[in-house]
Amino acid sequence: MAVWVGPDAFDEITEQARKVRFWRTVLTVLAGLLFGVGWLAAKACGVLWLAVAWAGTAVKVGWQEARRGAS
């Protein structure tokens, strides 16, 4: 499907493209990547904490059960 774009649209696109700043774009992408790394690290730590807490609780319940059976 072809869409005809008039010369005014090309001028507008050119004008907006000239306003794009290279280093600002690079820094924005870098900030987004670092944000993503931080977000993933927080989620991973949350899952890791849940696994450690679950395992610790399982040991505690097992210990209590063994102590009850020993009496």
PDB file of N, CA and C in Angstrom:
ATOM      1  N   MET A   1       0.854  -1.162   0.000  1.00  0.00           N
ATOM      2  CA  MET A   1       0.000   0.000   0.000  1.00  0.00           C
ATOM      3  C   MET A   1       0.905   1.231   0.000  1.00  0.00           C
ATOM      4  N   ALA A   2       0.750   2.055  -0.967  1.00  0.00           N
ATOM      5  CA  ALA A   2       1.551   3.262  -1.086  1.00  0.00           C
ATOM      6  C   ALA A   2       0.772   4.443  -0.514  1.00  0.00           C
ATOM      7  N   VAL A   3       1.491   5.296   0.177  1.00  0.00           N
ATOM      8  CA  VAL A   3       0.883   6.498   0.729  1.00  0.00           C
ATOM      9  C   VAL A   3       1.658   7.684   0.187  1.00  0.00           C
ATOM     10  N   TRP A   4       0.952   8.625  -0.377  1.00  0.00           N
ATOM     11  CA  TRP A   4       1.605   9.803  -0.912  1.00  0.00           C
ATOM     12  C   TRP A   4       1.766  10.830   0.198  1.00  0.00           C
ATOM     13  N   VAL A   5       2.995  11.296   0.348  1.00  0.00           N
ATOM     14  CA  VAL A   5       3.291  12.314   1.336  1.00  0.00           C
ATOM     15  C   VAL A   5       3.736  13.556   0.592  1.00  0.00           C
ATOM     16  N   GLY A   6       3.115  14.651   0.891  1.00  0.00           N
ATOM     17  CA  GLY A   6       3.429  15.891   0.194  1.00  0.00           C
ATOM     18  C   GLY A   6       4.757  16.476   0.623  1.00  0.00           C
ATOM     19  N   PRO A   7       5.245  17.460  -0.116  1.00  0.00           N
ATOM     20  CA  PRO A   7       6.536  18.069   0.198  1.00  0.00           C
ATOM     21  C   PRO A   7       6.545  18.777   1.555  1.00  0.00           C
ATOM     22  N   ASP A   8       5.396  19.221   2.023  1.00  0.00           N
ATOM     23  CA  ASP A   8       5.335  19.853   3.337  1.00  0.00           C
ATOM     24  C   ASP A   8       5.698  18.861   4.432  1.00  0.00           C
ATOM     25  N   ALA A   9       5.273  17.620   4.266  1.00  0.00           N
ATOM     26  CA  ALA A   9       5.582  16.592   5.258  1.00  0.00           C
ATOM     27  C   ALA A   9       7.088  16.315   5.280  1.00  0.00           C
ATOM     28  N   PHE A  10       7.731  16.301   4.116  1.00  0.00           N
ATOM     29  CA  PHE A  10       9.176  16.082   4.074  1.00  0.00           C
ATOM     30  C   PHE A  10       9.916  17.209   4.777  1.00  0.00           C
ATOM     31  N   ASP A  11       9.470  18.416   4.594  1.00  0.00           N
ATOM     32  CA  ASP A  11      10.093  19.561   5.262  1.00  0.00           C
ATOM     33  C   ASP A  11       9.936  19.461   6.772  1.00  0.00           C
ATOM     34  N   GLU A  12       8.748  19.062   7.199  1.00  0.00           N
ATOM     35  CA  GLU A  12       8.505  18.918   8.634  1.00  0.00           C
ATOM     36  C   GLU A  12       9.370  17.810   9.226  1.00  0.00           C
ATOM     37  N   ILE A  13       9.476  16.695   8.507  1.00  0.00           N
ATOM     38  CA  ILE A  13      10.305  15.577   8.981  1.00  0.00           C
ATOM     39  C   ILE A  13      11.758  16.014   9.052  1.00  0.00           C
ATOM     40  N   THR A  14      12.226  16.721   8.048  1.00  0.00           N
ATOM     41  CA  THR A  14      13.609  17.199   8.034  1.00  0.00           C
ATOM     42  C   THR A  14      13.863  18.145   9.193  1.00  0.00           C
ATOM     43  N   GLU A  15      12.923  19.033   9.446  1.00  0.00           N
ATOM     44  CA  GLU A  15      13.057  19.985  10.553  1.00  0.00           C
ATOM     45  C   GLU A  15      13.134  19.263  11.893  1.00  0.00           C
ATOM     46  N   GLN A  16      12.273  18.280  12.096  1.00  0.00           N
ATOM     47  CA  GLN A  16      12.281  17.533  13.356  1.00  0.00           C
ATOM     48  C   GLN A  16      13.534  16.676  13.481  1.00  0.00           C
ATOM     49  N   ALA A  17      13.995  16.119  12.378  1.00  0.00           N
ATOM     50  CA  ALA A  17      15.198  15.279  12.409  1.00  0.00           C
ATOM     51  C   ALA A  17      16.426  16.099  12.782  1.00  0.00           C
ATOM     52  N   ARG A  18      16.463  17.345  12.366  1.00  0.00           N
ATOM     53  CA  ARG A  18      17.601  18.206  12.710  1.00  0.00           C
ATOM     54  C   ARG A  18      17.608  18.575  14.183  1.00  0.00           C
ATOM     55  N   LYS A  19      16.481  18.472  14.851  1.00  0.00           N
ATOM     56  CA  LYS A  19      16.394  18.794  16.279  1.00  0.00           C
ATOM     57  C   LYS A  19      16.895  17.653  17.161  1.00  0.00           C
ATOM     58  N   VAL A  20      17.027  16.461  16.586  1.00  0.00           N
ATOM     59  CA  VAL A  20      17.501  15.305  17.351  1.00  0.00           C
ATOM     60  C   VAL A  20      18.975  15.508  17.664  1.00  0.00           C
ATOM     61  N   ARG A  21      19.321  15.363  18.934  1.00  0.00           N
ATOM     62  CA  ARG A  21      20.706  15.532  19.380  1.00  0.00           C
ATOM     63  C   ARG A  21      21.308  14.155  19.644  1.00  0.00           C
ATOM     64  N   PHE A  22      22.461  13.894  19.008  1.00  0.00           N
ATOM     65  CA  PHE A  22      23.085  12.575  19.063  1.00  0.00           C
ATOM     66  C   PHE A  22      23.411  12.156  20.499  1.00  0.00           C
ATOM     67  N   TRP A  23      24.149  12.981  21.238  1.00  0.00           N
ATOM     68  CA  TRP A  23      24.599  12.579  22.572  1.00  0.00           C
ATOM     69  C   TRP A  23      23.445  12.456  23.546  1.00  0.00           C
ATOM     70  N   ARG A  24      22.442  13.289  23.385  1.00  0.00           N
ATOM     71  CA  ARG A  24      21.268  13.162  24.259  1.00  0.00           C
ATOM     72  C   ARG A  24      20.570  11.829  24.000  1.00  0.00           C
ATOM     73  N   THR A  25      20.506  11.450  22.733  1.00  0.00           N
ATOM     74  CA  THR A  25      19.900  10.165  22.377  1.00  0.00           C
ATOM     75  C   THR A  25      20.720   9.008  22.945  1.00  0.00           C
ATOM     76  N   VAL A  26      22.031   9.094  22.822  1.00  0.00           N
ATOM     77  CA  VAL A  26      22.909   8.047  23.357  1.00  0.00           C
ATOM     78  C   VAL A  26      22.736   7.938  24.872  1.00  0.00           C
ATOM     79  N   LEU A  27      22.709   9.077  25.565  1.00  0.00           N
ATOM     80  CA  LEU A  27      22.545   9.056  27.018  1.00  0.00           C
ATOM     81  C   LEU A  27      21.171   8.524  27.426  1.00  0.00           C
ATOM     82  N   THR A  28      20.151   8.824  26.651  1.00  0.00           N
ATOM     83  CA  THR A  28      18.817   8.321  26.949  1.00  0.00           C
ATOM     84  C   THR A  28      18.769   6.801  26.809  1.00  0.00           C
ATOM     85  N   VAL A  29      19.386   6.286  25.754  1.00  0.00           N
ATOM     86  CA  VAL A  29      19.430   4.829  25.566  1.00  0.00           C
ATOM     87  C   VAL A  29      20.233   4.179  26.691  1.00  0.00           C
ATOM     88  N   LEU A  30      21.367   4.788  27.055  1.00  0.00           N
ATOM     89  CA  LEU A  30      22.186   4.255  28.143  1.00  0.00           C
ATOM     90  C   LEU A  30      21.419   4.255  29.465  1.00  0.00           C
ATOM     91  N   ALA A  31      20.714   5.342  29.735  1.00  0.00           N
ATOM     92  CA  ALA A  31      19.915   5.413  30.957  1.00  0.00           C
ATOM     93  C   ALA A  31      18.827   4.339  30.959  1.00  0.00           C
ATOM     94  N   GLY A  32      18.212   4.116  29.819  1.00  0.00           N
ATOM     95  CA  GLY A  32      17.189   3.074  29.725  1.00  0.00           C
ATOM     96  C   GLY A  32      17.766   1.689  29.985  1.00  0.00           C
ATOM     97  N   LEU A  33      18.949   1.432  29.445  1.00  0.00           N
ATOM     98  CA  LEU A  33      19.592   0.141  29.685  1.00  0.00           C
ATOM     99  C   LEU A  33      19.944  -0.043  31.157  1.00  0.00           C
ATOM    100  N   LEU A  34      20.504   0.998  31.774  1.00  0.00           N
ATOM    101  CA  LEU A  34      20.851   0.895  33.197  1.00  0.00           C
ATOM    102  C   LEU A  34      19.609   0.730  34.064  1.00  0.00           C
ATOM    103  N   PHE A  35      18.541   1.429  33.707  1.00  0.00           N
ATOM    104  CA  PHE A  35      17.282   1.263  34.429  1.00  0.00           C
ATOM    105  C   PHE A  35      16.806  -0.185  34.327  1.00  0.00           C
ATOM    106  N   GLY A  36      16.878  -0.743  33.117  1.00  0.00           N
ATOM    107  CA  GLY A  36      16.462  -2.134  32.910  1.00  0.00           C
ATOM    108  C   GLY A  36      17.303  -3.111  33.711  1.00  0.00           C
ATOM    109  N   VAL A  37      18.599  -2.878  33.776  1.00  0.00           N
ATOM    110  CA  VAL A  37      19.482  -3.747  34.569  1.00  0.00           C
ATOM    111  C   VAL A  37      19.108  -3.665  36.052  1.00  0.00           C
ATOM    112  N   GLY A  38      18.857  -2.461  36.522  1.00  0.00           N
ATOM    113  CA  GLY A  38      18.456  -2.292  37.921  1.00  0.00           C
ATOM    114  C   GLY A  38      17.135  -2.961  38.224  1.00  0.00           C
ATOM    115  N   TRP A  39      16.192  -2.835  37.320  1.00  0.00           N
ATOM    116  CA  TRP A  39      14.873  -3.445  37.499  1.00  0.00           C
ATOM    117  C   TRP A  39      14.998  -4.962  37.546  1.00  0.00           C
ATOM    118  N   LEU A  40      15.781  -5.527  36.619  1.00  0.00           N
ATOM    119  CA  LEU A  40      15.974  -6.981  36.610  1.00  0.00           C
ATOM    120  C   LEU A  40      16.695  -7.449  37.870  1.00  0.00           C
ATOM    121  N   ALA A  41      17.673  -6.687  38.333  1.00  0.00           N
ATOM    122  CA  ALA A  41      18.397  -7.058  39.552  1.00  0.00           C
ATOM    123  C   ALA A  41      17.461  -7.056  40.756  1.00  0.00           C
ATOM    124  N   ALA A  42      16.587  -6.060  40.832  1.00  0.00           N
ATOM    125  CA  ALA A  42      15.631  -6.006  41.948  1.00  0.00           C
ATOM    126  C   ALA A  42      14.685  -7.195  41.915  1.00  0.00           C
ATOM    127  N   LYS A  43      14.201  -7.546  40.721  1.00  0.00           N
ATOM    128  CA  LYS A  43      13.306  -8.703  40.605  1.00  0.00           C
ATOM    129  C   LYS A  43      14.043  -9.988  40.975  1.00  0.00           C
ATOM    130  N   ALA A  44      15.291 -10.124  40.518  1.00  0.00           N
ATOM    131  CA  ALA A  44      16.073 -11.325  40.829  1.00  0.00           C
ATOM    132  C   ALA A  44      16.329 -11.431  42.327  1.00  0.00           C
ATOM    133  N   CYS A  45      16.654 -10.307  42.973  1.00  0.00           N
ATOM    134  CA  CYS A  45      16.876 -10.326  44.422  1.00  0.00           C
ATOM    135  C   CYS A  45      15.600 -10.690  45.166  1.00  0.00           C
ATOM    136  N   GLY A  46      14.457 -10.229  44.674  1.00  0.00           N
ATOM    137  CA  GLY A  46      13.178 -10.582  45.295  1.00  0.00           C
ATOM    138  C   GLY A  46      12.909 -12.073  45.214  1.00  0.00           C
ATOM    139  N   VAL A  47      13.160 -12.645  44.060  1.00  0.00           N
ATOM    140  CA  VAL A  47      12.956 -14.087  43.883  1.00  0.00           C
ATOM    141  C   VAL A  47      13.961 -14.860  44.736  1.00  0.00           C
ATOM    142  N   LEU A  48      15.199 -14.389  44.748  1.00  0.00           N
ATOM    143  CA  LEU A  48      16.227 -15.053  45.558  1.00  0.00           C
ATOM    144  C   LEU A  48      15.871 -14.994  47.038  1.00  0.00           C
ATOM    145  N   TRP A  49      15.397 -13.832  47.503  1.00  0.00           N
ATOM    146  CA  TRP A  49      15.003 -13.696  48.915  1.00  0.00           C
ATOM    147  C   TRP A  49      13.862 -14.655  49.248  1.00  0.00           C
ATOM    148  N   LEU A  50      12.884 -14.759  48.374  1.00  0.00           N
ATOM    149  CA  LEU A  50      11.768 -15.679  48.610  1.00  0.00           C
ATOM    150  C   LEU A  50      12.264 -17.113  48.692  1.00  0.00           C
ATOM    151  N   ALA A  51      13.183 -17.497  47.816  1.00  0.00           N
ATOM    152  CA  ALA A  51      13.721 -18.859  47.836  1.00  0.00           C
ATOM    153  C   ALA A  51      14.486 -19.129  49.133  1.00  0.00           C
ATOM    154  N   VAL A  52      15.294 -18.164  49.572  1.00  0.00           N
ATOM    155  CA  VAL A  52      16.058 -18.333  50.819  1.00  0.00           C
ATOM    156  C   VAL A  52      15.111 -18.399  52.018  1.00  0.00           C
ATOM    157  N   ALA A  53      14.110 -17.520  52.046  1.00  0.00           N
ATOM    158  CA  ALA A  53      13.156 -17.517  53.155  1.00  0.00           C
ATOM    159  C   ALA A  53      12.364 -18.821  53.186  1.00  0.00           C
ATOM    160  N   TRP A  54      11.962 -19.318  52.022  1.00  0.00           N
ATOM    161  CA  TRP A  54      11.200 -20.561  51.951  1.00  0.00           C
ATOM    162  C   TRP A  54      12.056 -21.728  52.431  1.00  0.00           C
ATOM    163  N   ALA A  55      13.303 -21.768  51.982  1.00  0.00           N
ATOM    164  CA  ALA A  55      14.195 -22.858  52.390  1.00  0.00           C
ATOM    165  C   ALA A  55      14.468 -22.799  53.896  1.00  0.00           C
ATOM    166  N   GLY A  56      14.691 -21.600  54.419  1.00  0.00           N
ATOM    167  CA  GLY A  56      14.920 -21.464  55.864  1.00  0.00           C
ATOM    168  C   GLY A  56      13.714 -21.901  56.670  1.00  0.00           C
ATOM    169  N   THR A  57      12.537 -21.539  56.223  1.00  0.00           N
ATOM    170  CA  THR A  57      11.316 -21.938  56.920  1.00  0.00           C
ATOM    171  C   THR A  57      11.120 -23.450  56.846  1.00  0.00           C
ATOM    172  N   ALA A  58      11.448 -24.032  55.701  1.00  0.00           N
ATOM    173  CA  ALA A  58      11.329 -25.490  55.565  1.00  0.00           C
ATOM    174  C   ALA A  58      12.269 -26.198  56.540  1.00  0.00           C
ATOM    175  N   VAL A  59      13.479 -25.689  56.705  1.00  0.00           N
ATOM    176  CA  VAL A  59      14.427 -26.269  57.667  1.00  0.00           C
ATOM    177  C   VAL A  59      13.882 -26.134  59.082  1.00  0.00           C
ATOM    178  N   LYS A  60      13.338 -24.952  59.399  1.00  0.00           N
ATOM    179  CA  LYS A  60      12.790 -24.714  60.741  1.00  0.00           C
ATOM    180  C   LYS A  60      11.633 -25.677  61.035  1.00  0.00           C
ATOM    181  N   VAL A  61      10.712 -25.828  60.085  1.00  0.00           N
ATOM    182  CA  VAL A  61       9.566 -26.726  60.283  1.00  0.00           C
ATOM    183  C   VAL A  61      10.042 -28.169  60.397  1.00  0.00           C
ATOM    184  N   GLY A  62      11.015 -28.552  59.580  1.00  0.00           N
ATOM    185  CA  GLY A  62      11.579 -29.906  59.678  1.00  0.00           C
ATOM    186  C   GLY A  62      12.240 -30.146  61.020  1.00  0.00           C
ATOM    187  N   TRP A  63      12.976 -29.157  61.514  1.00  0.00           N
ATOM    188  CA  TRP A  63      13.623 -29.259  62.825  1.00  0.00           C
ATOM    189  C   TRP A  63      12.581 -29.440  63.929  1.00  0.00           C
ATOM    190  N   GLN A  64      11.537 -28.604  63.875  1.00  0.00           N
ATOM    191  CA  GLN A  64      10.469 -28.697  64.883  1.00  0.00           C
ATOM    192  C   GLN A  64       9.777 -30.054  64.825  1.00  0.00           C
ATOM    193  N   GLU A  65       9.541 -30.548  63.641  1.00  0.00           N
ATOM    194  CA  GLU A  65       8.877 -31.850  63.488  1.00  0.00           C
ATOM    195  C   GLU A  65       9.753 -32.966  64.038  1.00  0.00           C
ATOM    196  N   ALA A  66      11.042 -32.889  63.789  1.00  0.00           N
ATOM    197  CA  ALA A  66      11.973 -33.905  64.310  1.00  0.00           C
ATOM    198  C   ALA A  66      12.041 -33.851  65.827  1.00  0.00           C
ATOM    199  N   ARG A  67      12.014 -32.666  66.399  1.00  0.00           N
ATOM    200  CA  ARG A  67      12.055 -32.524  67.858  1.00  0.00           C
ATOM    201  C   ARG A  67      10.787 -33.074  68.499  1.00  0.00           C
ATOM    202  N   ARG A  68       9.636 -32.873  67.838  1.00  0.00           N
ATOM    203  CA  ARG A  68       8.396 -33.416  68.377  1.00  0.00           C
ATOM    204  C   ARG A  68       8.388 -34.933  68.366  1.00  0.00           C
ATOM    205  N   GLY A  69       8.962 -35.527  67.329  1.00  0.00           N
ATOM    206  CA  GLY A  69       9.005 -36.982  67.217  1.00  0.00           C
ATOM    207  C   GLY A  69      10.014 -37.615  68.182  1.00  0.00           C
ATOM    208  N   ALA A  70      11.018 -36.866  68.598  1.00  0.00           N
ATOM    209  CA  ALA A  70      12.059 -37.399  69.492  1.00  0.00           C
ATOM    210  C   ALA A  70      11.564 -37.515  70.929  1.00  0.00           C
ATOM    211  N   SER A  71      10.555 -36.765  71.300  1.00  0.00           N
ATOM    212  CA  SER A  71      10.080 -36.756  72.683  1.00  0.00           C
ATOM    213  C   SER A  71       9.309 -37.979  73.065  1.00  0.00           C
TER     214      SER A  71
END
